[in-house]
Amino acid sequence: MGREKAGFMSPPVLLVISLIGFVYYTTVFIFIDDWLGLGTGPGFLNALIFSWLAFMCLFSFFVTVLTDPGSVPPSFAPETEDPRKDVECLRYCDKCSSYKPPRAHHCRVCRRCVLKMDHHCVWIGNCVGYANYKPYIVCVLHAAMASIYSMVIFVASILGKDHDFKGISNKIFYILCASVTIMLSVAFGSLLGWHIYLLTHNLTTIEYRAVVRAMWLAKKSGQKYHHQFDLGIYNNVIMILGPNILKWFCPTAVGHLKDGTQFPISKVYGQHPDP
């Protein structure tokens, strides 16, 4: 519990929460109110939609921060019966003085091995790993949609109503809001696109680097590389989001996750046909 509290109270996490509050307040109570009026049907509807996006973003953010990404079970022992798994199963962590499962990596910040580690994110004060990757994806998705929605509302408010830009404080405020919405839209839009690519290829950020090198080496030798955990887009997606499409966007619906120490391997892994 101490680690969760420390992560939750870290300055970057508090900054994110403050930024969400700032964007929500300015979008709903300033720009939507100026543009349409919160008392009107269209104004209320836009405020309701944006409030839902902001709530889901904040809720999934909390889940990501407070969820342990996955620790290696103390009882974990490598299985070497399958020759294909020998190399993966015999990965040893010198810092933890124990074997680590496939796709697990040691985090220098958390000082432990994390199951299916994607990366350590300073903005959540936690690693993104096996157990909290889904809420992280849901958070990024809603953050991207909310940021773009806020930017559109900001532009519509500017174009739809005359504003007094004579005062220095007004100019600074609108420049600040424009900078924040554009920056967030680009940042979260790019991050969402990146993780959609990783999600559909069943890759982590760490694995991507190794896969790029493996693809280059295979191409150089006239072969075609296939990532061993790539089971096809649909199967890759349901491994993370779950088999029930109605629960894909619920950050706490993670009942489909197992212990995170074993992963199915593609049937075409190890086959390198000529392109």
C-alpha atoms as a PDB file:
ATOM      1  CA  MET A   1       0.000   0.000   0.000  1.00  0.00           C
ATOM      2  CA  GLY A   2       2.908   2.349   0.720  1.00  0.00           C
ATOM      3  CA  ARG A   3       4.214   2.063  -2.846  1.00  0.00           C
ATOM      4  CA  GLU A   4       0.774   2.888  -4.278  1.00  0.00           C
ATOM      5  CA  LYS A   5       0.434   5.958  -2.057  1.00  0.00           C
ATOM      6  CA  ALA A   6       3.917   7.156  -2.901  1.00  0.00           C
ATOM      7  CA  GLY A   7       3.252   6.747  -6.620  1.00  0.00           C
ATOM      8  CA  PHE A   8      -0.132   8.411  -6.386  1.00  0.00           C
ATOM      9  CA  MET A   9       1.267  11.417  -4.536  1.00  0.00           C
ATOM     10  CA  SER A  10       4.267  11.902  -6.836  1.00  0.00           C
ATOM     11  CA  PRO A  11       4.542  15.359  -8.490  1.00  0.00           C
ATOM     12  CA  PRO A  12       4.057  14.049 -12.089  1.00  0.00           C
ATOM     13  CA  VAL A  13       0.850  12.215 -11.093  1.00  0.00           C
ATOM     14  CA  LEU A  14      -0.498  15.269  -9.281  1.00  0.00           C
ATOM     15  CA  LEU A  15       0.414  17.387 -12.312  1.00  0.00           C
ATOM     16  CA  VAL A  16      -1.616  15.088 -14.588  1.00  0.00           C
ATOM     17  CA  ILE A  17      -4.630  15.293 -12.273  1.00  0.00           C
ATOM     18  CA  SER A  18      -4.336  19.081 -12.154  1.00  0.00           C
ATOM     19  CA  LEU A  19      -4.062  19.253 -15.941  1.00  0.00           C
ATOM     20  CA  ILE A  20      -7.200  17.131 -16.352  1.00  0.00           C
ATOM     21  CA  GLY A  21      -9.027  19.461 -13.969  1.00  0.00           C
ATOM     22  CA  PHE A  22      -7.825  22.554 -15.847  1.00  0.00           C
ATOM     23  CA  VAL A  23      -8.845  21.223 -19.256  1.00  0.00           C
ATOM     24  CA  TYR A  24     -12.226  20.073 -17.954  1.00  0.00           C
ATOM     25  CA  TYR A  25     -13.050  23.374 -16.274  1.00  0.00           C
ATOM     26  CA  THR A  26     -12.016  25.572 -19.211  1.00  0.00           C
ATOM     27  CA  THR A  27     -13.707  23.346 -21.792  1.00  0.00           C
ATOM     28  CA  VAL A  28     -17.061  23.020 -20.019  1.00  0.00           C
ATOM     29  CA  PHE A  29     -17.485  26.192 -17.983  1.00  0.00           C
ATOM     30  CA  ILE A  30     -15.740  28.645 -20.319  1.00  0.00           C
ATOM     31  CA  PHE A  31     -15.672  27.506 -23.948  1.00  0.00           C
ATOM     32  CA  ILE A  32     -18.873  25.428 -24.150  1.00  0.00           C
ATOM     33  CA  ASP A  33     -20.685  28.023 -22.057  1.00  0.00           C
ATOM     34  CA  ASP A  34     -19.423  30.872 -24.270  1.00  0.00           C
ATOM     35  CA  TRP A  35     -20.116  29.023 -27.502  1.00  0.00           C
ATOM     36  CA  LEU A  36     -23.512  27.393 -26.877  1.00  0.00           C
ATOM     37  CA  GLY A  37     -24.483  28.088 -23.288  1.00  0.00           C
ATOM     38  CA  LEU A  38     -24.766  25.315 -20.713  1.00  0.00           C
ATOM     39  CA  GLY A  39     -28.475  26.018 -20.361  1.00  0.00           C
ATOM     40  CA  THR A  40     -29.192  25.064 -23.976  1.00  0.00           C
ATOM     41  CA  GLY A  41     -29.758  21.564 -25.313  1.00  0.00           C
ATOM     42  CA  PRO A  42     -26.647  21.493 -27.548  1.00  0.00           C
ATOM     43  CA  GLY A  43     -24.525  23.030 -24.794  1.00  0.00           C
ATOM     44  CA  PHE A  44     -25.712  20.510 -22.201  1.00  0.00           C
ATOM     45  CA  LEU A  45     -25.174  17.620 -24.627  1.00  0.00           C
ATOM     46  CA  ASN A  46     -21.601  18.679 -25.447  1.00  0.00           C
ATOM     47  CA  ALA A  47     -20.867  19.175 -21.755  1.00  0.00           C
ATOM     48  CA  LEU A  48     -22.269  15.729 -20.992  1.00  0.00           C
ATOM     49  CA  ILE A  49     -20.200  14.015 -23.702  1.00  0.00           C
ATOM     50  CA  PHE A  50     -17.013  15.759 -22.637  1.00  0.00           C
ATOM     51  CA  SER A  51     -17.705  15.027 -18.963  1.00  0.00           C
ATOM     52  CA  TRP A  52     -17.993  11.331 -19.778  1.00  0.00           C
ATOM     53  CA  LEU A  53     -14.691  11.347 -21.685  1.00  0.00           C
ATOM     54  CA  ALA A  54     -12.980  13.208 -18.843  1.00  0.00           C
ATOM     55  CA  PHE A  55     -14.432  10.856 -16.225  1.00  0.00           C
ATOM     56  CA  MET A  56     -13.306   7.735 -18.102  1.00  0.00           C
ATOM     57  CA  CYS A  57      -9.867   9.242 -18.622  1.00  0.00           C
ATOM     58  CA  LEU A  58      -9.497  10.059 -14.925  1.00  0.00           C
ATOM     59  CA  PHE A  59     -10.982   6.761 -13.738  1.00  0.00           C
ATOM     60  CA  SER A  60      -8.755   4.615 -15.971  1.00  0.00           C
ATOM     61  CA  PHE A  61      -5.793   6.793 -14.969  1.00  0.00           C
ATOM     62  CA  PHE A  62      -6.431   6.007 -11.297  1.00  0.00           C
ATOM     63  CA  VAL A  63      -6.759   2.294 -12.098  1.00  0.00           C
ATOM     64  CA  THR A  64      -3.459   2.345 -14.011  1.00  0.00           C
ATOM     65  CA  VAL A  65      -1.654   4.158 -11.205  1.00  0.00           C
ATOM     66  CA  LEU A  66      -2.983   1.954  -8.407  1.00  0.00           C
ATOM     67  CA  THR A  67      -2.782  -1.447 -10.146  1.00  0.00           C
ATOM     68  CA  ASP A  68       0.349  -3.515  -9.670  1.00  0.00           C
ATOM     69  CA  PRO A  69       1.615  -4.190 -13.207  1.00  0.00           C
ATOM     70  CA  GLY A  70       2.528  -7.728 -12.246  1.00  0.00           C
ATOM     71  CA  SER A  71       5.269  -9.282 -10.125  1.00  0.00           C
ATOM     72  CA  VAL A  72       6.981 -12.578 -10.811  1.00  0.00           C
ATOM     73  CA  PRO A  73       5.412 -15.213  -8.525  1.00  0.00           C
ATOM     74  CA  PRO A  74       7.882 -16.492  -5.895  1.00  0.00           C
ATOM     75  CA  SER A  75       7.054 -20.041  -6.956  1.00  0.00           C
ATOM     76  CA  PHE A  76       7.891 -19.437 -10.615  1.00  0.00           C
ATOM     77  CA  ALA A  77      10.239 -22.018 -12.102  1.00  0.00           C
ATOM     78  CA  PRO A  78      11.197 -22.362 -15.771  1.00  0.00           C
ATOM     79  CA  GLU A  79       9.823 -25.237 -17.811  1.00  0.00           C
ATOM     80  CA  THR A  80      12.221 -26.704 -20.329  1.00  0.00           C
ATOM     81  CA  GLU A  81      10.260 -29.626 -21.758  1.00  0.00           C
ATOM     82  CA  ASP A  82       9.435 -27.709 -24.942  1.00  0.00           C
ATOM     83  CA  PRO A  83      12.636 -27.027 -26.932  1.00  0.00           C
ATOM     84  CA  ARG A  84      11.093 -23.863 -28.394  1.00  0.00           C
ATOM     85  CA  LYS A  85      10.799 -22.407 -24.915  1.00  0.00           C
ATOM     86  CA  ASP A  86      14.246 -23.247 -23.588  1.00  0.00           C
ATOM     87  CA  VAL A  87      15.806 -19.879 -24.388  1.00  0.00           C
ATOM     88  CA  GLU A  88      12.849 -17.878 -23.131  1.00  0.00           C
ATOM     89  CA  CYS A  89      12.364 -19.882 -19.950  1.00  0.00           C
ATOM     90  CA  LEU A  90      15.989 -19.784 -18.889  1.00  0.00           C
ATOM     91  CA  ARG A  91      16.166 -15.998 -18.703  1.00  0.00           C
ATOM     92  CA  TYR A  92      17.781 -15.126 -15.398  1.00  0.00           C
ATOM     93  CA  CYS A  93      17.709 -11.796 -13.573  1.00  0.00           C
ATOM     94  CA  ASP A  94      20.991 -11.111 -11.782  1.00  0.00           C
ATOM     95  CA  LYS A  95      19.475  -8.227  -9.814  1.00  0.00           C
ATOM     96  CA  CYS A  96      16.544 -10.238  -8.466  1.00  0.00           C
ATOM     97  CA  SER A  97      18.624 -13.448  -8.302  1.00  0.00           C
ATOM     98  CA  SER A  98      15.814 -15.458  -9.865  1.00  0.00           C
ATOM     99  CA  TYR A  99      14.498 -16.680 -13.181  1.00  0.00           C
ATOM    100  CA  LYS A 100      12.021 -14.471 -14.989  1.00  0.00           C
ATOM    101  CA  PRO A 101       9.130 -15.565 -17.215  1.00  0.00           C
ATOM    102  CA  PRO A 102       8.917 -14.824 -20.938  1.00  0.00           C
ATOM    103  CA  ARG A 103       8.338 -11.110 -21.681  1.00  0.00           C
ATOM    104  CA  ALA A 104       9.225 -10.081 -18.109  1.00  0.00           C
ATOM    105  CA  HIS A 105      11.917  -7.454 -17.636  1.00  0.00           C
ATOM    106  CA  HIS A 106      13.687  -5.848 -14.715  1.00  0.00           C
ATOM    107  CA  CYS A 107      12.691  -2.238 -14.050  1.00  0.00           C
ATOM    108  CA  ARG A 108      15.544  -0.153 -12.682  1.00  0.00           C
ATOM    109  CA  VAL A 109      13.101   2.358 -11.184  1.00  0.00           C
ATOM    110  CA  CYS A 110      10.810  -0.142  -9.453  1.00  0.00           C
ATOM    111  CA  ARG A 111      13.823  -2.393  -8.699  1.00  0.00           C
ATOM    112  CA  ARG A 112      12.015  -5.605  -9.568  1.00  0.00           C
ATOM    113  CA  CYS A 113      11.023  -7.730 -12.527  1.00  0.00           C
ATOM    114  CA  VAL A 114       7.682  -6.784 -14.091  1.00  0.00           C
ATOM    115  CA  LEU A 115       5.523  -9.222 -16.033  1.00  0.00           C
ATOM    116  CA  LYS A 116       5.231  -8.347 -19.735  1.00  0.00           C
ATOM    117  CA  MET A 117       6.784  -4.976 -19.044  1.00  0.00           C
ATOM    118  CA  ASP A 118       6.040  -2.305 -21.645  1.00  0.00           C
ATOM    119  CA  HIS A 119       7.820   0.659 -20.062  1.00  0.00           C
ATOM    120  CA  HIS A 120       8.120   2.611 -16.847  1.00  0.00           C
ATOM    121  CA  CYS A 121       5.914   5.694 -17.043  1.00  0.00           C
ATOM    122  CA  VAL A 122       6.850   8.615 -14.822  1.00  0.00           C
ATOM    123  CA  TRP A 123       3.410  10.191 -15.407  1.00  0.00           C
ATOM    124  CA  ILE A 124       1.666   7.349 -13.591  1.00  0.00           C
ATOM    125  CA  GLY A 125       4.484   6.708 -11.112  1.00  0.00           C
ATOM    126  CA  ASN A 126       4.316   3.058 -12.065  1.00  0.00           C
ATOM    127  CA  CYS A 127       5.346   0.520 -14.665  1.00  0.00           C
ATOM    128  CA  VAL A 128       3.003  -0.353 -17.499  1.00  0.00           C
ATOM    129  CA  GLY A 129       2.902  -4.124 -17.505  1.00  0.00           C
ATOM    130  CA  TYR A 130       0.744  -7.210 -17.808  1.00  0.00           C
ATOM    131  CA  ALA A 131      -1.898  -6.335 -15.214  1.00  0.00           C
ATOM    132  CA  ASN A 132      -2.393  -2.619 -15.963  1.00  0.00           C
ATOM    133  CA  TYR A 133      -1.798  -2.416 -19.718  1.00  0.00           C
ATOM    134  CA  LYS A 134      -5.538  -2.523 -20.482  1.00  0.00           C
ATOM    135  CA  PRO A 135      -6.460   0.407 -18.193  1.00  0.00           C
ATOM    136  CA  TYR A 136      -3.456   2.267 -19.600  1.00  0.00           C
ATOM    137  CA  ILE A 137      -4.753   1.788 -23.166  1.00  0.00           C
ATOM    138  CA  VAL A 138      -8.260   2.853 -22.107  1.00  0.00           C
ATOM    139  CA  CYS A 139      -6.810   5.933 -20.409  1.00  0.00           C
ATOM    140  CA  VAL A 140      -4.797   6.936 -23.480  1.00  0.00           C
ATOM    141  CA  LEU A 141      -7.828   6.384 -25.730  1.00  0.00           C
ATOM    142  CA  HIS A 142     -10.125   8.622 -23.693  1.00  0.00           C
ATOM    143  CA  ALA A 143      -7.364  11.190 -23.158  1.00  0.00           C
ATOM    144  CA  ALA A 144      -6.859  11.435 -26.929  1.00  0.00           C
ATOM    145  CA  MET A 145     -10.589  11.751 -27.627  1.00  0.00           C
ATOM    146  CA  ALA A 146     -11.072  14.301 -24.834  1.00  0.00           C
ATOM    147  CA  SER A 147      -8.088  16.384 -25.987  1.00  0.00           C
ATOM    148  CA  ILE A 148      -9.263  16.499 -29.607  1.00  0.00           C
ATOM    149  CA  TYR A 149     -12.833  17.221 -28.480  1.00  0.00           C
ATOM    150  CA  SER A 150     -11.566  20.070 -26.296  1.00  0.00           C
ATOM    151  CA  MET A 151      -9.527  21.505 -29.164  1.00  0.00           C
ATOM    152  CA  VAL A 152     -12.559  21.449 -31.488  1.00  0.00           C
ATOM    153  CA  ILE A 153     -14.727  23.157 -28.874  1.00  0.00           C
ATOM    154  CA  PHE A 154     -12.022  25.761 -28.277  1.00  0.00           C
ATOM    155  CA  VAL A 155     -11.796  26.582 -31.996  1.00  0.00           C
ATOM    156  CA  ALA A 156     -15.609  26.649 -32.335  1.00  0.00           C
ATOM    157  CA  SER A 157     -15.868  29.008 -29.372  1.00  0.00           C
ATOM    158  CA  ILE A 158     -13.266  31.356 -30.846  1.00  0.00           C
ATOM    159  CA  LEU A 159     -14.898  31.380 -34.286  1.00  0.00           C
ATOM    160  CA  GLY A 160     -18.475  31.369 -33.074  1.00  0.00           C
ATOM    161  CA  LYS A 161     -18.356  34.360 -30.751  1.00  0.00           C
ATOM    162  CA  ASP A 162     -16.570  37.683 -30.640  1.00  0.00           C
ATOM    163  CA  HIS A 163     -13.949  37.844 -27.906  1.00  0.00           C
ATOM    164  CA  ASP A 164     -12.081  40.742 -26.410  1.00  0.00           C
ATOM    165  CA  PHE A 165      -8.398  40.059 -26.948  1.00  0.00           C
ATOM    166  CA  LYS A 166      -7.276  43.554 -25.988  1.00  0.00           C
ATOM    167  CA  GLY A 167      -6.315  42.700 -22.429  1.00  0.00           C
ATOM    168  CA  ILE A 168      -2.940  41.065 -21.856  1.00  0.00           C
ATOM    169  CA  SER A 169      -4.444  38.590 -19.400  1.00  0.00           C
ATOM    170  CA  ASN A 170      -7.034  37.478 -21.973  1.00  0.00           C
ATOM    171  CA  LYS A 171      -4.358  36.990 -24.621  1.00  0.00           C
ATOM    172  CA  ILE A 172      -2.198  34.953 -22.246  1.00  0.00           C
ATOM    173  CA  PHE A 173      -5.173  32.815 -21.200  1.00  0.00           C
ATOM    174  CA  TYR A 174      -6.257  31.987 -24.764  1.00  0.00           C
ATOM    175  CA  ILE A 175      -2.689  31.357 -25.915  1.00  0.00           C
ATOM    176  CA  LEU A 176      -2.217  29.031 -22.930  1.00  0.00           C
ATOM    177  CA  CYS A 177      -5.447  27.145 -23.678  1.00  0.00           C
ATOM    178  CA  ALA A 178      -4.592  26.839 -27.371  1.00  0.00           C
ATOM    179  CA  SER A 179      -1.105  25.573 -26.572  1.00  0.00           C
ATOM    180  CA  VAL A 180      -2.358  23.023 -24.044  1.00  0.00           C
ATOM    181  CA  THR A 181      -5.137  21.603 -26.242  1.00  0.00           C
ATOM    182  CA  ILE A 182      -2.936  21.347 -29.328  1.00  0.00           C
ATOM    183  CA  MET A 183      -0.058  19.819 -27.385  1.00  0.00           C
ATOM    184  CA  LEU A 184      -2.312  17.255 -25.682  1.00  0.00           C
ATOM    185  CA  SER A 185      -4.116  16.363 -28.913  1.00  0.00           C
ATOM    186  CA  VAL A 186      -0.858  15.722 -30.761  1.00  0.00           C
ATOM    187  CA  ALA A 187       0.788  13.907 -27.842  1.00  0.00           C
ATOM    188  CA  PHE A 188      -2.114  11.607 -26.970  1.00  0.00           C
ATOM    189  CA  GLY A 189      -3.104  11.102 -30.594  1.00  0.00           C
ATOM    190  CA  SER A 190       0.422   9.938 -31.424  1.00  0.00           C
ATOM    191  CA  LEU A 191       0.627   7.809 -28.278  1.00  0.00           C
ATOM    192  CA  LEU A 192      -2.709   6.183 -29.083  1.00  0.00           C
ATOM    193  CA  GLY A 193      -1.611   5.379 -32.629  1.00  0.00           C
ATOM    194  CA  TRP A 194       1.629   3.857 -31.335  1.00  0.00           C
ATOM    195  CA  HIS A 195      -0.095   1.616 -28.804  1.00  0.00           C
ATOM    196  CA  ILE A 196      -2.770   0.542 -31.294  1.00  0.00           C
ATOM    197  CA  TYR A 197       0.096  -0.686 -33.469  1.00  0.00           C
ATOM    198  CA  LEU A 198       1.673  -2.520 -30.515  1.00  0.00           C
ATOM    199  CA  LEU A 199      -1.698  -3.916 -29.434  1.00  0.00           C
ATOM    200  CA  THR A 200      -2.597  -5.306 -32.850  1.00  0.00           C
ATOM    201  CA  HIS A 201       0.857  -6.893 -33.227  1.00  0.00           C
ATOM    202  CA  ASN A 202       0.999  -8.196 -29.641  1.00  0.00           C
ATOM    203  CA  LEU A 203       4.192  -6.301 -28.927  1.00  0.00           C
ATOM    204  CA  THR A 204       5.506  -4.294 -26.019  1.00  0.00           C
ATOM    205  CA  THR A 205       7.619  -1.183 -26.424  1.00  0.00           C
ATOM    206  CA  ILE A 206      10.661  -3.154 -25.239  1.00  0.00           C
ATOM    207  CA  GLU A 207       9.977  -6.022 -27.639  1.00  0.00           C
ATOM    208  CA  TYR A 208       9.498  -3.677 -30.586  1.00  0.00           C
ATOM    209  CA  ARG A 209      13.182  -2.746 -30.591  1.00  0.00           C
ATOM    210  CA  ALA A 210      14.245  -6.397 -30.712  1.00  0.00           C
ATOM    211  CA  VAL A 211      11.649  -7.211 -33.385  1.00  0.00           C
ATOM    212  CA  VAL A 212      12.863  -4.411 -35.654  1.00  0.00           C
ATOM    213  CA  ARG A 213      16.380  -5.795 -35.468  1.00  0.00           C
ATOM    214  CA  ALA A 214      15.151  -9.361 -36.037  1.00  0.00           C
ATOM    215  CA  MET A 215      13.144  -8.254 -39.083  1.00  0.00           C
ATOM    216  CA  TRP A 216      16.188  -6.496 -40.509  1.00  0.00           C
ATOM    217  CA  LEU A 217      18.402  -9.550 -40.008  1.00  0.00           C
ATOM    218  CA  ALA A 218      15.768 -11.864 -41.534  1.00  0.00           C
ATOM    219  CA  LYS A 219      15.327  -9.609 -44.547  1.00  0.00           C
ATOM    220  CA  LYS A 220      19.086  -9.423 -44.973  1.00  0.00           C
ATOM    221  CA  SER A 221      19.268 -13.216 -45.172  1.00  0.00           C
ATOM    222  CA  GLY A 222      16.321 -13.468 -47.566  1.00  0.00           C
ATOM    223  CA  GLN A 223      13.814 -14.655 -44.973  1.00  0.00           C
ATOM    224  CA  LYS A 224      10.628 -13.304 -43.421  1.00  0.00           C
ATOM    225  CA  TYR A 225      10.407 -12.750 -39.676  1.00  0.00           C
ATOM    226  CA  HIS A 226       7.227 -13.408 -37.693  1.00  0.00           C
ATOM    227  CA  HIS A 227       6.989 -12.307 -34.074  1.00  0.00           C
ATOM    228  CA  GLN A 228       6.441 -15.377 -31.918  1.00  0.00           C
ATOM    229  CA  PHE A 229       3.584 -13.848 -29.905  1.00  0.00           C
ATOM    230  CA  ASP A 230       1.727 -12.373 -32.892  1.00  0.00           C
ATOM    231  CA  LEU A 231      -1.478 -14.442 -33.108  1.00  0.00           C
ATOM    232  CA  GLY A 232      -3.312 -12.232 -35.598  1.00  0.00           C
ATOM    233  CA  ILE A 233      -5.051  -8.902 -35.010  1.00  0.00           C
ATOM    234  CA  TYR A 234      -8.270 -10.234 -33.449  1.00  0.00           C
ATOM    235  CA  ASN A 235      -6.551 -12.677 -31.093  1.00  0.00           C
ATOM    236  CA  ASN A 236      -3.972 -10.057 -30.161  1.00  0.00           C
ATOM    237  CA  VAL A 237      -6.711  -7.586 -29.252  1.00  0.00           C
ATOM    238  CA  ILE A 238      -8.776  -9.969 -27.137  1.00  0.00           C
ATOM    239  CA  MET A 239      -5.680 -11.039 -25.218  1.00  0.00           C
ATOM    240  CA  ILE A 240      -5.445  -7.491 -23.885  1.00  0.00           C
ATOM    241  CA  LEU A 241      -9.012  -6.147 -23.927  1.00  0.00           C
ATOM    242  CA  GLY A 242     -10.797  -9.433 -23.286  1.00  0.00           C
ATOM    243  CA  PRO A 243     -13.178 -11.652 -25.294  1.00  0.00           C
ATOM    244  CA  ASN A 244     -16.297  -9.619 -24.432  1.00  0.00           C
ATOM    245  CA  ILE A 245     -16.425  -6.573 -26.707  1.00  0.00           C
ATOM    246  CA  LEU A 246     -18.911  -4.896 -24.341  1.00  0.00           C
ATOM    247  CA  LYS A 247     -16.172  -4.770 -21.692  1.00  0.00           C
ATOM    248  CA  TRP A 248     -13.342  -3.590 -23.911  1.00  0.00           C
ATOM    249  CA  PHE A 249     -13.494  -0.036 -22.630  1.00  0.00           C
ATOM    250  CA  CYS A 250     -13.975  -0.871 -18.949  1.00  0.00           C
ATOM    251  CA  PRO A 251     -10.548  -0.500 -17.298  1.00  0.00           C
ATOM    252  CA  THR A 252     -11.421  -2.836 -14.419  1.00  0.00           C
ATOM    253  CA  ALA A 253     -12.712  -5.705 -16.598  1.00  0.00           C
ATOM    254  CA  VAL A 254      -9.540  -7.796 -16.480  1.00  0.00           C
ATOM    255  CA  GLY A 255     -10.955 -11.177 -15.477  1.00  0.00           C
ATOM    256  CA  HIS A 256      -9.526 -12.706 -18.662  1.00  0.00           C
ATOM    257  CA  LEU A 257      -5.955 -12.141 -17.482  1.00  0.00           C
ATOM    258  CA  LYS A 258      -4.047 -15.117 -16.106  1.00  0.00           C
ATOM    259  CA  ASP A 259      -0.826 -15.207 -14.100  1.00  0.00           C
ATOM    260  CA  GLY A 260       1.238 -13.523 -16.826  1.00  0.00           C
ATOM    261  CA  THR A 261       4.005 -16.115 -16.847  1.00  0.00           C
ATOM    262  CA  GLN A 262       3.009 -17.964 -20.041  1.00  0.00           C
ATOM    263  CA  PHE A 263       1.846 -16.771 -23.445  1.00  0.00           C
ATOM    264  CA  PRO A 264       0.633 -18.673 -26.516  1.00  0.00           C
ATOM    265  CA  ILE A 265       3.094 -18.811 -29.384  1.00  0.00           C
ATOM    266  CA  SER A 266       2.145 -18.317 -33.015  1.00  0.00           C
ATOM    267  CA  LYS A 267       1.972 -21.475 -35.118  1.00  0.00           C
ATOM    268  CA  VAL A 268       4.101 -19.867 -37.823  1.00  0.00           C
ATOM    269  CA  TYR A 269       6.857 -18.851 -35.402  1.00  0.00           C
ATOM    270  CA  GLY A 270      10.145 -20.349 -36.446  1.00  0.00           C
ATOM    271  CA  GLN A 271       9.037 -20.681 -40.058  1.00  0.00           C
ATOM    272  CA  HIS A 272      10.898 -18.370 -42.376  1.00  0.00           C
ATOM    273  CA  PRO A 273       9.540 -18.783 -45.908  1.00  0.00           C
ATOM    274  CA  ASP A 274      11.015 -16.838 -48.760  1.00  0.00           C
ATOM    275  CA  PRO A 275       9.079 -13.614 -49.374  1.00  0.00           C
END
